[in-house]
Amino acid sequence: MLQYPGAADLDAGEKELLAYAITLKEKTYFISSSDRACVRAGLMLDMLDSFISLEELVQDAGLKVQLNYQFSKSWLNMAKTELKLENL
């Protein structure tokens, strides 16, 4: 079970995904979430570099889709920066 301060803010699926990801020997995966609590968990679990925006995934798939701001690369970068600054 995933336990860290703030884990209660995650929904069950996010907890299971992150708990599974930290057991992997190879860190060749991406996590896409527009949930700030999940991104915070990524920081706390030293997995933040594995987070990627839905916008980046869509672009890498060669698709052109209009997405809401919370799914953009700029939102994720902003969230990562703010969370890192909060934890200095």
C-alpha atoms as a PDB file:
ATOM      1  CA  MET A   1       0.000   0.000   0.000  1.00  0.00           C
ATOM      2  CA  LEU A   2       1.250   3.456  -0.869  1.00  0.00           C
ATOM      3  CA  GLN A   3       1.883   5.504   2.257  1.00  0.00           C
ATOM      4  CA  TYR A   4       3.403   8.972   2.509  1.00  0.00           C
ATOM      5  CA  PRO A   5       2.146  12.295   3.863  1.00  0.00           C
ATOM      6  CA  GLY A   6      -0.599  13.367   1.477  1.00  0.00           C
ATOM      7  CA  ALA A   7      -1.451   9.911   0.146  1.00  0.00           C
ATOM      8  CA  ALA A   8      -5.024  10.378   1.341  1.00  0.00           C
ATOM      9  CA  ASP A   9      -5.471  13.011  -1.387  1.00  0.00           C
ATOM     10  CA  LEU A  10      -4.989  10.406  -4.129  1.00  0.00           C
ATOM     11  CA  ASP A  11      -7.792   8.318  -5.525  1.00  0.00           C
ATOM     12  CA  ALA A  12      -7.511   4.536  -5.431  1.00  0.00           C
ATOM     13  CA  GLY A  13      -6.348   4.174  -9.033  1.00  0.00           C
ATOM     14  CA  GLU A  14      -3.548   6.708  -8.584  1.00  0.00           C
ATOM     15  CA  LYS A  15      -2.378   4.976  -5.411  1.00  0.00           C
ATOM     16  CA  GLU A  16      -2.298   1.613  -7.156  1.00  0.00           C
ATOM     17  CA  LEU A  17      -0.462   3.001 -10.181  1.00  0.00           C
ATOM     18  CA  LEU A  18       2.196   4.751  -8.110  1.00  0.00           C
ATOM     19  CA  ALA A  19       2.584   1.787  -5.753  1.00  0.00           C
ATOM     20  CA  TYR A  20       3.136  -0.471  -8.752  1.00  0.00           C
ATOM     21  CA  ALA A  21       5.529   1.960 -10.459  1.00  0.00           C
ATOM     22  CA  ILE A  22       7.855   2.155  -7.453  1.00  0.00           C
ATOM     23  CA  THR A  23       8.259  -1.640  -7.531  1.00  0.00           C
ATOM     24  CA  LEU A  24       9.559  -1.668 -11.106  1.00  0.00           C
ATOM     25  CA  LYS A  25      13.280  -2.296 -11.507  1.00  0.00           C
ATOM     26  CA  GLU A  26      13.397  -0.522 -14.856  1.00  0.00           C
ATOM     27  CA  LYS A  27      12.236   3.073 -14.690  1.00  0.00           C
ATOM     28  CA  THR A  28      11.165   3.161 -18.338  1.00  0.00           C
ATOM     29  CA  TYR A  29       7.597   4.305 -17.927  1.00  0.00           C
ATOM     30  CA  PHE A  30       5.569   7.495 -18.092  1.00  0.00           C
ATOM     31  CA  ILE A  31       2.780   8.662 -15.826  1.00  0.00           C
ATOM     32  CA  SER A  32       0.238  11.142 -17.122  1.00  0.00           C
ATOM     33  CA  SER A  33      -1.966  12.912 -14.617  1.00  0.00           C
ATOM     34  CA  SER A  34      -3.572  16.318 -14.405  1.00  0.00           C
ATOM     35  CA  ASP A  35      -4.242  15.783 -10.698  1.00  0.00           C
ATOM     36  CA  ARG A  36      -2.020  18.044  -8.594  1.00  0.00           C
ATOM     37  CA  ALA A  37      -2.110  15.552  -5.704  1.00  0.00           C
ATOM     38  CA  CYS A  38      -0.748  12.853  -8.000  1.00  0.00           C
ATOM     39  CA  VAL A  39       2.006  15.150  -9.264  1.00  0.00           C
ATOM     40  CA  ARG A  40       2.845  15.995  -5.626  1.00  0.00           C
ATOM     41  CA  ALA A  41       3.079  12.258  -4.922  1.00  0.00           C
ATOM     42  CA  GLY A  42       5.462  11.952  -7.854  1.00  0.00           C
ATOM     43  CA  LEU A  43       7.695  14.563  -6.253  1.00  0.00           C
ATOM     44  CA  MET A  44       7.530  12.938  -2.813  1.00  0.00           C
ATOM     45  CA  LEU A  45       8.324   9.507  -4.289  1.00  0.00           C
ATOM     46  CA  ASP A  46      11.169  10.849  -6.471  1.00  0.00           C
ATOM     47  CA  MET A  47       9.294   9.909  -9.657  1.00  0.00           C
ATOM     48  CA  LEU A  48       8.581  13.382 -10.998  1.00  0.00           C
ATOM     49  CA  ASP A  49      10.786  12.919 -14.057  1.00  0.00           C
ATOM     50  CA  SER A  50       8.461  10.111 -15.173  1.00  0.00           C
ATOM     51  CA  PHE A  51       5.446  12.444 -15.393  1.00  0.00           C
ATOM     52  CA  ILE A  52       4.375  13.563 -18.863  1.00  0.00           C
ATOM     53  CA  SER A  53       1.414  15.611 -19.980  1.00  0.00           C
ATOM     54  CA  LEU A  54      -1.428  14.189 -22.025  1.00  0.00           C
ATOM     55  CA  GLU A  55      -0.604  16.872 -24.604  1.00  0.00           C
ATOM     56  CA  GLU A  56       2.880  15.394 -25.064  1.00  0.00           C
ATOM     57  CA  LEU A  57       1.500  11.864 -25.373  1.00  0.00           C
ATOM     58  CA  VAL A  58      -1.027  12.965 -27.981  1.00  0.00           C
ATOM     59  CA  GLN A  59       1.630  14.849 -29.952  1.00  0.00           C
ATOM     60  CA  ASP A  60       4.012  11.881 -29.810  1.00  0.00           C
ATOM     61  CA  ALA A  61       1.213   9.717 -31.221  1.00  0.00           C
ATOM     62  CA  GLY A  62       0.969  12.138 -34.143  1.00  0.00           C
ATOM     63  CA  LEU A  63      -2.511  13.359 -33.260  1.00  0.00           C
ATOM     64  CA  LYS A  64      -3.852  16.890 -33.185  1.00  0.00           C
ATOM     65  CA  VAL A  65      -6.434  17.257 -30.454  1.00  0.00           C
ATOM     66  CA  GLN A  66      -7.574  20.359 -28.589  1.00  0.00           C
ATOM     67  CA  LEU A  67      -7.136  19.673 -24.869  1.00  0.00           C
ATOM     68  CA  ASN A  68      -8.040  21.645 -21.771  1.00  0.00           C
ATOM     69  CA  TYR A  69      -5.234  23.549 -20.040  1.00  0.00           C
ATOM     70  CA  GLN A  70      -4.833  21.034 -17.191  1.00  0.00           C
ATOM     71  CA  PHE A  71      -3.714  18.432 -19.742  1.00  0.00           C
ATOM     72  CA  SER A  72      -1.064  20.691 -21.303  1.00  0.00           C
ATOM     73  CA  LYS A  73       2.696  20.529 -21.021  1.00  0.00           C
ATOM     74  CA  SER A  74       2.723  24.074 -19.662  1.00  0.00           C
ATOM     75  CA  TRP A  75       0.303  23.159 -16.821  1.00  0.00           C
ATOM     76  CA  LEU A  76       2.405  20.170 -15.831  1.00  0.00           C
ATOM     77  CA  ASN A  77       5.625  22.177 -15.937  1.00  0.00           C
ATOM     78  CA  MET A  78       4.024  24.907 -13.812  1.00  0.00           C
ATOM     79  CA  ALA A  79       2.738  22.343 -11.288  1.00  0.00           C
ATOM     80  CA  LYS A  80       6.143  20.641 -11.084  1.00  0.00           C
ATOM     81  CA  THR A  81       7.915  23.961 -10.541  1.00  0.00           C
ATOM     82  CA  GLU A  82       5.469  25.170  -7.881  1.00  0.00           C
ATOM     83  CA  LEU A  83       5.638  21.882  -5.988  1.00  0.00           C
ATOM     84  CA  LYS A  84       9.448  21.839  -6.074  1.00  0.00           C
ATOM     85  CA  LEU A  85       9.556  25.406  -4.746  1.00  0.00           C
ATOM     86  CA  GLU A  86       7.119  24.520  -1.951  1.00  0.00           C
ATOM     87  CA  ASN A  87       9.456  21.723  -0.855  1.00  0.00           C
ATOM     88  CA  LEU A  88      12.702  23.679  -0.731  1.00  0.00           C
END
